[in-house]
């Protein structure tokens, strides 16, 4: 410790400020468990059927993949805006209430990957159960039931959102 203080005296006053900031950062990291991501809670603004802003933080709903906002699908021989329908469903499920998202990691685009709920509604699960998102690593049983019941996207023809993005070179 004595040696560190001697070094700091040699560095001058401006270096003290930098060192203090580094030490504060190290202390924060020591108190924050490695890999843990903040959960978010608050009012939400829906972006599309699997993305939203909660308390100002962009959240990607984990384990599901909903149609993109501009994506169209077919039902009863007609084209319809399935991406818009997915967004509207998520908005209705939230119902203007507070949203809680349990974050698990940050994706390559800086979005929080999370499982979200509004009141007693598991939003990720419900989007798949109502057929307006496909399972993506989770919620396979809900997808199977939606598909079997011809709900949402499964009531007609659609290109899986991942394939739709790939065909258009959209790297989301």
Protein backbone atom coordinates (compact mmCIF):
# COMPACT_ATOMS: atom_id res chain seq x y z
CA UNK A 1 0.00 0.00 0.00
CA UNK A 2 2.83 2.37 0.90
CA UNK A 3 4.44 1.74 -2.44
CA UNK A 4 1.17 2.47 -4.27
CA UNK A 5 0.86 5.81 -2.48
CA UNK A 6 4.40 6.74 -3.44
CA UNK A 7 3.60 5.92 -7.06
CA UNK A 8 0.47 8.08 -6.95
CA UNK A 9 2.44 11.05 -5.58
CA UNK A 10 4.74 10.78 -8.56
CA UNK A 11 1.83 10.67 -11.05
CA UNK A 12 0.34 14.01 -10.08
CA UNK A 13 -3.22 15.22 -9.38
CA UNK A 14 -4.84 14.38 -12.74
CA UNK A 15 -3.71 10.79 -12.51
CA UNK A 16 -5.46 10.57 -9.12
CA UNK A 17 -8.80 11.20 -10.80
CA UNK A 18 -8.19 8.42 -13.30
CA UNK A 19 -7.08 6.04 -10.59
CA UNK A 20 -10.12 6.79 -8.44
CA UNK A 21 -12.40 6.05 -11.41
CA UNK A 22 -10.61 2.76 -12.05
CA UNK A 23 -10.86 1.78 -8.38
CA UNK A 24 -14.57 2.62 -8.28
CA UNK A 25 -15.10 0.49 -11.38
CA UNK A 26 -13.19 -2.41 -9.85
CA UNK A 27 -15.19 -2.14 -6.63
CA UNK A 28 -18.46 -2.12 -8.60
CA UNK A 29 -17.39 -5.20 -10.56
CA UNK A 30 -16.40 -6.98 -7.38
CA UNK A 31 -19.84 -6.35 -5.88
CA UNK A 32 -21.71 -7.30 -9.06
CA UNK A 33 -21.73 -11.08 -9.73
CA UNK A 34 -20.04 -12.00 -12.99
CA UNK A 35 -22.44 -12.53 -15.87
CA UNK A 36 -25.46 -11.16 -14.05
CA UNK A 37 -27.65 -8.85 -16.09
CA UNK A 38 -30.00 -6.31 -14.58
CA UNK A 39 -33.68 -7.13 -14.61
CA UNK A 40 -35.91 -4.30 -15.80
CA UNK A 41 -39.35 -3.24 -14.72
CA UNK A 42 -41.60 -0.42 -15.78
CA UNK A 43 -43.86 0.81 -18.50
CA UNK A 44 -43.27 -0.73 -21.90
CA UNK A 45 -43.33 0.41 -25.50
CA UNK A 46 -43.87 -2.46 -27.94
CA UNK A 47 -41.55 -2.53 -30.96
CA UNK A 48 -42.81 -5.77 -32.52
CA UNK A 49 -44.08 -9.17 -31.40
CA UNK A 50 -40.88 -10.11 -29.57
CA UNK A 51 -39.16 -6.80 -28.81
CA UNK A 52 -40.00 -3.90 -26.55
CA UNK A 53 -38.54 -1.08 -24.53
CA UNK A 54 -39.01 -1.45 -20.78
CA UNK A 55 -38.01 1.46 -18.58
CA UNK A 56 -35.95 2.80 -21.49
CA UNK A 57 -34.06 -0.48 -22.06
CA UNK A 58 -34.42 -2.44 -25.33
CA UNK A 59 -35.49 -6.00 -24.58
CA UNK A 60 -35.58 -8.99 -26.93
CA UNK A 61 -37.96 -11.64 -25.62
CA UNK A 62 -35.97 -14.81 -25.11
CA UNK A 63 -37.04 -18.18 -26.52
CA UNK A 64 -39.46 -16.85 -29.13
CA UNK A 65 -39.35 -15.43 -32.63
CA UNK A 66 -42.28 -13.35 -33.87
CA UNK A 67 -42.86 -12.02 -37.38
CA UNK A 68 -41.09 -8.79 -38.21
CA UNK A 69 -43.15 -5.61 -38.38
CA UNK A 70 -43.19 -5.56 -42.19
CA UNK A 71 -43.74 -9.29 -42.56
CA UNK A 72 -46.86 -10.58 -44.32
CA UNK A 73 -48.45 -14.03 -44.12
CA UNK A 74 -51.40 -15.76 -45.79
CA UNK A 75 -54.70 -16.82 -44.27
CA UNK A 76 -57.89 -17.84 -46.07
CA UNK A 77 -56.13 -17.24 -49.38
CA UNK A 78 -55.34 -13.60 -48.53
CA UNK A 79 -52.24 -11.78 -47.47
CA UNK A 80 -52.33 -10.10 -44.05
CA UNK A 81 -49.89 -8.14 -41.93
CA UNK A 82 -48.92 -10.89 -39.48
CA UNK A 83 -46.03 -8.81 -38.09
CA UNK A 84 -48.45 -6.05 -37.20
CA UNK A 85 -50.89 -8.54 -35.67
CA UNK A 86 -48.12 -9.98 -33.49
CA UNK A 87 -47.19 -6.49 -32.29
CA UNK A 88 -50.84 -5.68 -31.50
CA UNK A 89 -51.25 -8.94 -29.57
CA UNK A 90 -48.21 -8.20 -27.40
CA UNK A 91 -49.60 -4.72 -26.77
CA UNK A 92 -52.97 -6.21 -25.69
CA UNK A 93 -51.28 -8.77 -23.44
CA UNK A 94 -49.42 -6.00 -21.64
CA UNK A 95 -52.64 -4.04 -21.32
CA UNK A 96 -50.98 -0.78 -20.31
CA UNK A 97 -49.61 -2.27 -17.10
CA UNK A 98 -46.08 -2.58 -15.81
CA UNK A 99 -43.77 -5.14 -17.40
CA UNK A 100 -41.08 -7.10 -15.57
CA UNK A 101 -38.29 -8.68 -17.59
CA UNK A 102 -35.81 -11.12 -16.07
CA UNK A 103 -32.63 -10.57 -18.04
CA UNK A 104 -30.28 -13.42 -18.90
CA UNK A 105 -27.73 -11.98 -21.31
CA UNK A 106 -27.02 -9.22 -23.79
CA UNK A 107 -27.27 -10.14 -27.47
CA UNK A 108 -24.88 -9.05 -30.22
CA UNK A 109 -27.02 -5.95 -30.84
CA UNK A 110 -26.83 -4.82 -27.19
CA UNK A 111 -30.41 -5.84 -26.36
CA UNK A 112 -31.30 -7.51 -23.09
CA UNK A 113 -32.49 -11.10 -23.69
CA UNK A 114 -35.22 -11.73 -21.15
CA UNK A 115 -38.32 -13.55 -20.02
CA UNK A 116 -41.04 -10.96 -19.53
CA UNK A 117 -44.34 -10.79 -17.73
CA UNK A 118 -47.16 -8.31 -17.25
CA UNK A 119 -49.15 -9.03 -14.10
CA UNK A 120 -49.70 -12.78 -14.12
CA UNK A 121 -49.17 -13.13 -17.89
CA UNK A 122 -45.96 -14.79 -19.08
CA UNK A 123 -45.58 -12.74 -22.25
CA UNK A 124 -43.03 -14.96 -24.00
CA UNK A 125 -45.06 -18.12 -23.40
CA UNK A 126 -48.37 -16.48 -24.31
CA UNK A 127 -47.11 -15.12 -27.65
CA UNK A 128 -46.23 -18.70 -28.66
CA UNK A 129 -49.40 -20.19 -27.12
CA UNK A 130 -51.57 -17.79 -29.13
CA UNK A 131 -49.66 -18.67 -32.29
CA UNK A 132 -48.05 -15.30 -33.04
CA UNK A 133 -44.48 -16.34 -32.27
CA UNK A 134 -42.61 -19.55 -32.94
CA UNK A 135 -40.62 -21.33 -30.28
CA UNK A 136 -36.93 -20.59 -30.41
CA UNK A 137 -35.25 -22.85 -27.88
CA UNK A 138 -38.15 -22.82 -25.40
CA UNK A 139 -41.93 -23.17 -25.36
CA UNK A 140 -42.07 -26.21 -27.67
CA UNK A 141 -45.24 -27.57 -26.03
CA UNK A 142 -47.03 -24.23 -26.47
CA UNK A 143 -46.01 -24.16 -30.13
CA UNK A 144 -47.24 -27.71 -30.64
CA UNK A 145 -50.63 -26.82 -29.11
CA UNK A 146 -50.96 -23.61 -31.16
CA UNK A 147 -50.04 -25.43 -34.35
CA UNK A 148 -52.49 -28.26 -33.58
CA UNK A 149 -55.24 -25.73 -32.84
CA UNK A 150 -54.57 -23.66 -35.95
CA UNK A 151 -53.98 -20.52 -33.89
CA UNK A 152 -52.42 -17.30 -35.15
CA UNK A 153 -49.74 -17.91 -37.76
CA UNK A 154 -50.69 -21.58 -37.83
CA UNK A 155 -54.14 -20.72 -39.23
CA UNK A 156 -52.56 -20.14 -42.62
CA UNK A 157 -49.21 -20.02 -44.36
CA UNK A 158 -46.15 -18.15 -43.18
CA UNK A 159 -42.42 -18.03 -43.59
CA UNK A 160 -40.70 -18.53 -40.25
CA UNK A 161 -39.42 -15.10 -39.11
CA UNK A 162 -35.79 -16.23 -39.11
CA UNK A 163 -36.07 -17.40 -42.75
CA UNK A 164 -37.96 -14.23 -43.72
CA UNK A 165 -35.09 -12.10 -42.33
CA UNK A 166 -32.47 -14.29 -44.02
CA UNK A 167 -34.21 -13.98 -47.41
CA UNK A 168 -34.06 -10.19 -47.08
CA UNK A 169 -30.54 -10.04 -45.64
CA UNK A 170 -31.84 -8.50 -42.42
CA UNK A 171 -29.36 -9.29 -39.65
CA UNK A 172 -31.45 -8.95 -36.51
